[in-house]
Amino acid sequence: MKHLSKEVDIANEMNYSVRYAYFDVHAQCPNKEYSRLNQFLEDKLKQAIAHCSFTALKISNIEKSVQKIKSQTGVFRVNCFNCIDRTNIAQSRIAALKLIEILKYLEIEIKEFAANLKFFTYNTPFSNLYRNLWADNGDALSKQYTGTGSTESLAVRKGKLSYLATLDHGMKSISRAIRNIRNEDDKK
């Protein structure tokens, strides 16, 4: 795997603040046990995620005014070397950490968030809604790039790996392979 230190150094010379964090999903999360990804994000990137901040506006309908209270100061770029589905899983966790931060700022308490990213495994209405939202997002993105839904969507929806999720993954992978073979034949 190519290390990106040269690219990061060039970006920093151009006055961009760039951080690079390497995480090997295959090595760290065997059998799709994403608790290690959660731990990595909470231990290594939570501060950087919070540093990016978010935009907050105070809107007054009476005075017909908008006042900016906070500004977003950064973005996260996530990429899995060969799988948009795992990219979406990482993004869902980063978005959850940002959502927790925003809701705390707004003084809105959601009890599942007391456990930070462990809420992904809970079977509560909010946890299910959040997981389904990201599974739908993953399916939509995956369909754009591969023609099929995400190979990880059933595991994301359930919050864990199951035999059914493994079967779903295999069926979508086979569908992708057949689609790729047909596309190659069309190009000839």
Protein backbone atom coordinates (compact mmCIF):
# COMPACT_ATOMS: atom_id res chain seq x y z
CA MET A 1 0.00 0.00 0.00
CA LYS A 2 1.42 3.34 -0.99
CA HIS A 3 1.92 5.69 1.96
CA LEU A 4 0.63 9.19 1.29
CA SER A 5 3.13 11.19 3.36
CA LYS A 6 4.50 12.99 0.27
CA GLU A 7 1.02 14.12 -0.82
CA VAL A 8 0.17 15.26 2.73
CA ASP A 9 3.43 17.23 2.92
CA ILE A 10 2.67 18.98 -0.39
CA ALA A 11 -0.87 19.87 0.76
CA ASN A 12 0.46 21.23 4.05
CA GLU A 13 3.01 23.37 2.18
CA MET A 14 0.05 24.87 0.29
CA ASN A 15 -1.46 25.90 3.66
CA TYR A 16 -3.98 23.07 3.71
CA SER A 17 -4.17 21.20 6.97
CA VAL A 18 -4.28 17.56 5.91
CA ARG A 19 -4.23 14.53 8.15
CA TYR A 20 -3.88 10.99 6.91
CA ALA A 21 -5.03 8.06 9.03
CA TYR A 22 -4.54 4.55 7.71
CA PHE A 23 -6.88 1.77 8.82
CA ASP A 24 -6.84 -1.68 7.20
CA VAL A 25 -10.43 -2.95 7.47
CA HIS A 26 -9.54 -6.48 6.37
CA ALA A 27 -6.81 -6.88 8.98
CA GLN A 28 -8.56 -5.03 11.82
CA CYS A 29 -12.18 -6.18 11.30
CA PRO A 30 -12.19 -9.89 10.46
CA ASN A 31 -15.67 -11.30 9.82
CA LYS A 32 -16.98 -7.74 9.50
CA GLU A 33 -16.59 -7.09 13.23
CA TYR A 34 -16.69 -3.31 12.98
CA SER A 35 -16.28 -2.62 16.70
CA ARG A 36 -12.55 -2.14 16.01
CA LEU A 37 -13.39 0.51 13.43
CA ASN A 38 -15.61 2.20 16.01
CA GLN A 39 -12.77 2.09 18.55
CA PHE A 40 -10.27 3.47 16.02
CA LEU A 41 -12.57 6.39 15.19
CA GLU A 42 -13.32 7.14 18.84
CA ASP A 43 -9.67 6.85 19.94
CA LYS A 44 -7.79 8.31 16.97
CA LEU A 45 -10.14 10.58 15.01
CA LYS A 46 -12.85 11.84 17.36
CA GLN A 47 -10.86 14.98 18.12
CA ALA A 48 -10.17 15.62 14.43
CA ILE A 49 -13.85 15.08 13.60
CA ALA A 50 -14.84 17.59 16.29
CA HIS A 51 -12.16 20.03 15.03
CA CYS A 52 -13.96 20.18 11.65
CA SER A 53 -16.89 21.71 13.53
CA PHE A 54 -20.21 22.39 11.78
CA THR A 55 -22.21 25.36 10.62
CA ALA A 56 -24.84 26.70 13.03
CA LEU A 57 -27.18 29.56 12.20
CA LYS A 58 -29.53 31.55 14.39
CA ILE A 59 -32.58 32.46 12.34
CA SER A 60 -35.02 35.10 13.50
CA ASN A 61 -38.34 35.17 11.68
CA ILE A 62 -39.39 38.24 13.63
CA GLU A 63 -36.34 40.30 12.71
CA LYS A 64 -35.94 38.46 9.40
CA SER A 65 -32.25 37.94 10.08
CA VAL A 66 -29.72 35.13 9.96
CA GLN A 67 -26.70 35.11 12.24
CA LYS A 68 -23.86 32.63 11.79
CA ILE A 69 -22.86 31.21 15.17
CA LYS A 70 -20.38 28.52 14.06
CA SER A 71 -18.69 27.62 10.79
CA GLN A 72 -17.62 24.27 9.46
CA THR A 73 -13.84 24.23 9.18
CA GLY A 74 -13.05 20.93 7.53
CA VAL A 75 -14.18 17.80 5.73
CA PHE A 76 -13.43 14.10 5.89
CA ARG A 77 -12.47 12.08 2.85
CA VAL A 78 -12.84 8.34 3.31
CA ASN A 79 -11.83 5.75 0.79
CA CYS A 80 -11.63 2.00 0.92
CA PHE A 81 -9.02 0.74 -1.52
CA ASN A 82 -11.48 -1.51 -3.34
CA CYS A 83 -14.95 -1.24 -1.82
CA ILE A 84 -17.45 1.61 -1.79
CA ASP A 85 -19.57 -0.46 0.63
CA ARG A 86 -16.92 -0.35 3.37
CA THR A 87 -16.38 3.35 2.65
CA ASN A 88 -20.05 3.93 3.45
CA ILE A 89 -19.71 1.99 6.72
CA ALA A 90 -16.83 4.23 7.82
CA GLN A 91 -18.73 7.36 6.73
CA SER A 92 -21.78 6.27 8.74
CA ARG A 93 -19.67 6.14 11.89
CA ILE A 94 -18.05 9.53 11.23
CA ALA A 95 -21.49 11.02 10.57
CA ALA A 96 -22.75 9.50 13.84
CA LEU A 97 -19.92 11.12 15.80
CA LYS A 98 -20.74 14.46 14.14
CA LEU A 99 -24.46 14.01 14.83
CA ILE A 100 -23.72 13.28 18.50
CA GLU A 101 -21.69 16.50 18.65
CA ILE A 102 -24.41 18.59 16.97
CA LEU A 103 -27.19 17.21 19.17
CA LYS A 104 -25.13 17.91 22.31
CA TYR A 105 -24.63 21.46 21.07
CA LEU A 106 -28.40 21.79 20.62
CA GLU A 107 -28.92 20.22 24.06
CA ILE A 108 -30.93 17.37 22.56
CA GLU A 109 -30.39 14.13 24.39
CA ILE A 110 -30.69 10.75 22.71
CA LYS A 111 -29.99 8.06 25.28
CA GLU A 112 -28.43 5.64 22.76
CA PHE A 113 -25.64 8.15 22.14
CA ALA A 114 -24.41 7.88 25.72
CA ALA A 115 -22.53 4.78 24.52
CA ASN A 116 -21.11 6.63 21.49
CA LEU A 117 -20.75 4.30 18.50
CA LYS A 118 -21.97 1.22 20.39
CA PHE A 119 -25.50 2.41 19.58
CA PHE A 120 -25.05 0.77 16.14
CA THR A 121 -25.68 -2.61 17.79
CA TYR A 122 -28.78 -1.54 19.74
CA ASN A 123 -32.27 -2.59 18.69
CA THR A 124 -34.07 0.69 19.41
CA PRO A 125 -36.22 2.83 17.11
CA PHE A 126 -33.55 5.52 16.72
CA SER A 127 -30.69 3.06 16.15
CA ASN A 128 -32.76 1.16 13.58
CA LEU A 129 -33.75 4.40 11.82
CA TYR A 130 -30.12 5.56 11.66
CA ARG A 131 -28.83 2.22 10.34
CA ASN A 132 -31.61 2.04 7.72
CA LEU A 133 -30.86 5.59 6.59
CA TRP A 134 -27.21 4.69 5.99
CA ALA A 135 -28.06 1.35 4.39
CA ASP A 136 -30.37 3.19 1.97
CA ASN A 137 -27.55 5.68 1.30
CA GLY A 138 -25.11 2.83 0.67
CA ASP A 139 -27.55 1.10 -1.68
CA ALA A 140 -28.11 4.29 -3.68
CA LEU A 141 -24.37 4.99 -4.02
CA SER A 142 -23.57 1.39 -4.85
CA LYS A 143 -26.26 1.26 -7.56
CA GLN A 144 -24.65 4.28 -9.23
CA TYR A 145 -21.24 2.63 -9.37
CA THR A 146 -21.95 -1.10 -9.59
CA GLY A 147 -25.56 -1.52 -10.70
CA THR A 148 -26.49 -3.40 -7.51
CA GLY A 149 -27.29 -2.43 -3.96
CA SER A 150 -24.55 -2.43 -1.35
CA THR A 151 -23.13 -5.81 -0.44
CA GLU A 152 -23.13 -4.63 3.18
CA SER A 153 -26.66 -3.18 3.42
CA LEU A 154 -28.33 -6.09 5.21
CA ALA A 155 -25.54 -6.26 7.81
CA VAL A 156 -25.80 -2.47 8.26
CA ARG A 157 -29.59 -2.66 8.68
CA LYS A 158 -29.34 -5.40 11.30
CA GLY A 159 -26.29 -3.95 13.05
CA LYS A 160 -24.45 -7.26 12.84
CA LEU A 161 -23.31 -9.99 10.48
CA SER A 162 -25.67 -12.93 10.03
CA TYR A 163 -25.99 -15.92 7.71
CA LEU A 164 -28.66 -14.06 5.78
CA ALA A 165 -26.37 -11.00 5.43
CA THR A 166 -23.56 -13.26 4.20
CA LEU A 167 -25.90 -14.87 1.64
CA ASP A 168 -27.11 -11.41 0.53
CA HIS A 169 -23.46 -10.30 0.13
CA GLY A 170 -22.70 -13.34 -2.02
CA MET A 171 -25.75 -12.89 -4.25
CA LYS A 172 -24.93 -9.23 -4.89
CA SER A 173 -21.29 -10.10 -5.60
CA ILE A 174 -22.37 -12.72 -8.15
CA SER A 175 -24.75 -10.21 -9.73
CA ARG A 176 -21.92 -7.67 -9.98
CA ALA A 177 -19.61 -10.23 -11.58
CA ILE A 178 -22.22 -11.17 -14.19
CA ARG A 179 -22.93 -7.49 -14.88
CA ASN A 180 -19.19 -6.82 -15.33
CA ILE A 181 -18.83 -9.75 -17.75
CA ARG A 182 -21.77 -8.46 -19.81
CA ASN A 183 -20.32 -4.94 -19.81
CA GLU A 184 -16.96 -6.28 -21.01
CA ASP A 185 -18.70 -8.19 -23.80
CA ASP A 186 -20.55 -5.02 -24.85
CA LYS A 187 -17.23 -3.15 -25.12
CA LYS A 188 -15.73 -5.71 -27.55
